[in-house]
Amino acid sequence: MLVVNRFQVTDVEVFRADARAALKALSARPGFVAGHCGGSVDEEETWVLVTRWDSVGSYRRALSAYDVKMYATPLLARALPEASAFEVNLEAGPDGDVVEHDSDRSAQPWRGSTDDGAARR
């Protein structure tokens, strides 16, 4: 699972310190896989925090941890109001092989669906 939060940042030093604290708190939680934070090369004020999780459940459980509430939630509350949690359906490594993952959702909408909601194979 990927969590992508975008931010409009006016004070980069404050944001970087807050993002560092948030990543430290999030990375201590079970199910955390990786985290990245960086600024846009095209829009100086646009930043992103991306984390990867084993499952949506591990991410949601992490949000209830005390350290996450103290250090990550205040930062996440400043994210732009848009969808942020995504399941990984296709994944590629440096070797170029693409791995397809089944959706956790029954209709698997990313593959396309029929009128009755059944997934196409």
C-alpha atoms as a PDB file:
ATOM      1  CA  MET A   1       0.000   0.000   0.000  1.00  0.00           C
ATOM      2  CA  LEU A   2       1.188   3.523  -0.811  1.00  0.00           C
ATOM      3  CA  VAL A   3       0.308   6.679   1.062  1.00  0.00           C
ATOM      4  CA  VAL A   4       1.005   9.881  -0.859  1.00  0.00           C
ATOM      5  CA  ASN A   5       0.527  13.207   0.912  1.00  0.00           C
ATOM      6  CA  ARG A   6       1.208  16.473  -0.932  1.00  0.00           C
ATOM      7  CA  PHE A   7       1.901  19.771   0.786  1.00  0.00           C
ATOM      8  CA  GLN A   8       2.218  23.458  -0.078  1.00  0.00           C
ATOM      9  CA  VAL A   9       5.201  24.568   1.981  1.00  0.00           C
ATOM     10  CA  THR A  10       6.145  28.138   2.855  1.00  0.00           C
ATOM     11  CA  ASP A  11       8.817  27.450   5.503  1.00  0.00           C
ATOM     12  CA  VAL A  12      11.013  24.621   4.204  1.00  0.00           C
ATOM     13  CA  GLU A  13      13.166  24.311   7.329  1.00  0.00           C
ATOM     14  CA  VAL A  14      10.148  23.879   9.611  1.00  0.00           C
ATOM     15  CA  PHE A  15       8.521  21.455   7.179  1.00  0.00           C
ATOM     16  CA  ARG A  16      11.686  19.329   6.857  1.00  0.00           C
ATOM     17  CA  ALA A  17      12.003  19.080  10.642  1.00  0.00           C
ATOM     18  CA  ASP A  18       8.331  18.111  10.965  1.00  0.00           C
ATOM     19  CA  ALA A  19       8.639  15.566   8.125  1.00  0.00           C
ATOM     20  CA  ARG A  20      11.754  14.040   9.721  1.00  0.00           C
ATOM     21  CA  ALA A  21       9.888  13.595  13.028  1.00  0.00           C
ATOM     22  CA  ALA A  22       6.854  12.159  11.218  1.00  0.00           C
ATOM     23  CA  LEU A  23       8.958   9.659   9.262  1.00  0.00           C
ATOM     24  CA  LYS A  24      10.762   8.592  12.419  1.00  0.00           C
ATOM     25  CA  ALA A  25       7.458   7.940  14.219  1.00  0.00           C
ATOM     26  CA  LEU A  26       5.867   6.179  11.244  1.00  0.00           C
ATOM     27  CA  SER A  27       8.920   4.028  10.528  1.00  0.00           C
ATOM     28  CA  ALA A  28       8.788   2.564  14.046  1.00  0.00           C
ATOM     29  CA  ARG A  29       5.339   1.062  13.445  1.00  0.00           C
ATOM     30  CA  PRO A  30       4.748  -2.570  12.405  1.00  0.00           C
ATOM     31  CA  GLY A  31       4.010  -2.916   8.702  1.00  0.00           C
ATOM     32  CA  PHE A  32       6.033   0.135   7.645  1.00  0.00           C
ATOM     33  CA  VAL A  33       8.092  -0.675   4.540  1.00  0.00           C
ATOM     34  CA  ALA A  34       9.679   2.624   3.452  1.00  0.00           C
ATOM     35  CA  GLY A  35       9.216   6.376   3.489  1.00  0.00           C
ATOM     36  CA  HIS A  36      10.386   9.296   1.364  1.00  0.00           C
ATOM     37  CA  CYS A  37       9.974  13.049   1.516  1.00  0.00           C
ATOM     38  CA  GLY A  38      11.017  15.555  -1.110  1.00  0.00           C
ATOM     39  CA  GLY A  39      10.304  18.783  -2.883  1.00  0.00           C
ATOM     40  CA  SER A  40       9.114  19.217  -6.453  1.00  0.00           C
ATOM     41  CA  VAL A  41      11.781  20.077  -9.012  1.00  0.00           C
ATOM     42  CA  ASP A  42       9.197  22.177 -10.869  1.00  0.00           C
ATOM     43  CA  GLU A  43       7.293  23.934  -8.070  1.00  0.00           C
ATOM     44  CA  GLU A  44       9.462  25.005  -5.156  1.00  0.00           C
ATOM     45  CA  GLU A  45       6.596  25.136  -2.662  1.00  0.00           C
ATOM     46  CA  THR A  46       5.185  21.674  -3.488  1.00  0.00           C
ATOM     47  CA  TRP A  47       6.441  18.793  -1.340  1.00  0.00           C
ATOM     48  CA  VAL A  48       5.420  15.161  -0.983  1.00  0.00           C
ATOM     49  CA  LEU A  49       5.613  12.577   1.775  1.00  0.00           C
ATOM     50  CA  VAL A  50       5.310   9.007   0.483  1.00  0.00           C
ATOM     51  CA  THR A  51       5.171   5.945   2.715  1.00  0.00           C
ATOM     52  CA  ARG A  52       4.803   2.279   1.835  1.00  0.00           C
ATOM     53  CA  TRP A  53       2.987  -0.199   4.080  1.00  0.00           C
ATOM     54  CA  ASP A  54       2.365  -3.960   4.164  1.00  0.00           C
ATOM     55  CA  SER A  55      -1.389  -3.364   4.222  1.00  0.00           C
ATOM     56  CA  VAL A  56      -4.049  -0.749   4.746  1.00  0.00           C
ATOM     57  CA  GLY A  57      -4.611  -2.238   8.202  1.00  0.00           C
ATOM     58  CA  SER A  58      -1.017  -1.694   9.280  1.00  0.00           C
ATOM     59  CA  TYR A  59      -1.202   1.933   8.100  1.00  0.00           C
ATOM     60  CA  ARG A  60      -4.458   2.605   9.908  1.00  0.00           C
ATOM     61  CA  ARG A  61      -3.184   0.947  13.100  1.00  0.00           C
ATOM     62  CA  ALA A  62      -0.028   3.081  12.894  1.00  0.00           C
ATOM     63  CA  LEU A  63      -2.146   6.239  12.912  1.00  0.00           C
ATOM     64  CA  SER A  64      -3.449   5.357  16.371  1.00  0.00           C
ATOM     65  CA  ALA A  65       0.011   5.023  17.956  1.00  0.00           C
ATOM     66  CA  TYR A  66       0.954   7.705  20.487  1.00  0.00           C
ATOM     67  CA  ASP A  67       4.196   8.798  18.753  1.00  0.00           C
ATOM     68  CA  VAL A  68       2.424   9.007  15.398  1.00  0.00           C
ATOM     69  CA  LYS A  69      -0.323  11.143  16.920  1.00  0.00           C
ATOM     70  CA  MET A  70       2.334  13.413  18.426  1.00  0.00           C
ATOM     71  CA  TYR A  71       4.715  13.747  15.471  1.00  0.00           C
ATOM     72  CA  ALA A  72       3.030  12.633  12.247  1.00  0.00           C
ATOM     73  CA  THR A  73      -0.625  13.582  12.611  1.00  0.00           C
ATOM     74  CA  PRO A  74       0.052  17.351  12.904  1.00  0.00           C
ATOM     75  CA  LEU A  75       2.045  17.195   9.661  1.00  0.00           C
ATOM     76  CA  LEU A  76      -0.504  14.990   7.870  1.00  0.00           C
ATOM     77  CA  ALA A  77      -3.265  17.410   8.879  1.00  0.00           C
ATOM     78  CA  ARG A  78      -1.509  20.054   6.742  1.00  0.00           C
ATOM     79  CA  ALA A  79      -1.586  17.863   3.604  1.00  0.00           C
ATOM     80  CA  LEU A  80      -3.638  18.953   0.615  1.00  0.00           C
ATOM     81  CA  PRO A  81      -7.212  17.605   0.784  1.00  0.00           C
ATOM     82  CA  GLU A  82      -7.039  14.816  -1.793  1.00  0.00           C
ATOM     83  CA  ALA A  83      -6.955  11.026  -1.952  1.00  0.00           C
ATOM     84  CA  SER A  84      -3.806   9.738  -0.275  1.00  0.00           C
ATOM     85  CA  ALA A  85      -4.035   5.956   0.223  1.00  0.00           C
ATOM     86  CA  PHE A  86      -3.509   3.664  -2.774  1.00  0.00           C
ATOM     87  CA  GLU A  87      -3.146  -0.072  -3.199  1.00  0.00           C
ATOM     88  CA  VAL A  88      -0.264  -1.273  -5.362  1.00  0.00           C
ATOM     89  CA  ASN A  89      -1.549  -3.156  -8.413  1.00  0.00           C
ATOM     90  CA  LEU A  90       1.532  -3.113 -10.673  1.00  0.00           C
ATOM     91  CA  GLU A  91       5.137  -3.050  -9.511  1.00  0.00           C
ATOM     92  CA  ALA A  92       8.423  -2.995 -11.424  1.00  0.00           C
ATOM     93  CA  GLY A  93      11.964  -3.448 -10.229  1.00  0.00           C
ATOM     94  CA  PRO A  94      15.256  -2.387 -11.813  1.00  0.00           C
ATOM     95  CA  ASP A  95      15.278  -5.572 -13.892  1.00  0.00           C
ATOM     96  CA  GLY A  96      12.193  -4.362 -15.780  1.00  0.00           C
ATOM     97  CA  ASP A  97       9.965  -7.240 -14.715  1.00  0.00           C
ATOM     98  CA  VAL A  98       6.446  -6.060 -13.900  1.00  0.00           C
ATOM     99  CA  VAL A  99       4.580  -7.911 -11.158  1.00  0.00           C
ATOM    100  CA  GLU A 100       0.800  -7.734 -10.998  1.00  0.00           C
ATOM    101  CA  HIS A 101      -0.870  -7.769  -7.567  1.00  0.00           C
ATOM    102  CA  ASP A 102      -4.494  -8.695  -7.034  1.00  0.00           C
ATOM    103  CA  SER A 103      -6.701  -6.016  -5.587  1.00  0.00           C
ATOM    104  CA  ASP A 104      -7.952  -6.296  -2.028  1.00  0.00           C
ATOM    105  CA  ARG A 105     -11.251  -4.959  -3.342  1.00  0.00           C
ATOM    106  CA  SER A 106     -13.697  -7.513  -4.692  1.00  0.00           C
ATOM    107  CA  ALA A 107     -14.493  -5.712  -7.959  1.00  0.00           C
ATOM    108  CA  GLN A 108     -10.823  -4.961  -8.759  1.00  0.00           C
ATOM    109  CA  PRO A 109     -11.746  -1.737 -10.589  1.00  0.00           C
ATOM    110  CA  TRP A 110      -8.216  -1.108 -11.802  1.00  0.00           C
ATOM    111  CA  ARG A 111      -8.540  -4.072 -14.167  1.00  0.00           C
ATOM    112  CA  GLY A 112     -11.857  -2.861 -15.502  1.00  0.00           C
ATOM    113  CA  SER A 113     -15.211  -4.250 -14.600  1.00  0.00           C
ATOM    114  CA  THR A 114     -18.305  -5.472 -16.333  1.00  0.00           C
ATOM    115  CA  ASP A 115     -21.711  -3.866 -15.889  1.00  0.00           C
ATOM    116  CA  ASP A 116     -22.564  -6.290 -13.089  1.00  0.00           C
ATOM    117  CA  GLY A 117     -19.404  -5.377 -11.154  1.00  0.00           C
ATOM    118  CA  ALA A 118     -17.591  -8.655 -11.838  1.00  0.00           C
ATOM    119  CA  ALA A 119     -13.897  -8.307 -12.617  1.00  0.00           C
ATOM    120  CA  ARG A 120     -12.571  -9.030 -16.107  1.00  0.00           C
ATOM    121  CA  ARG A 121      -9.742 -11.511 -16.268  1.00  0.00           C
END
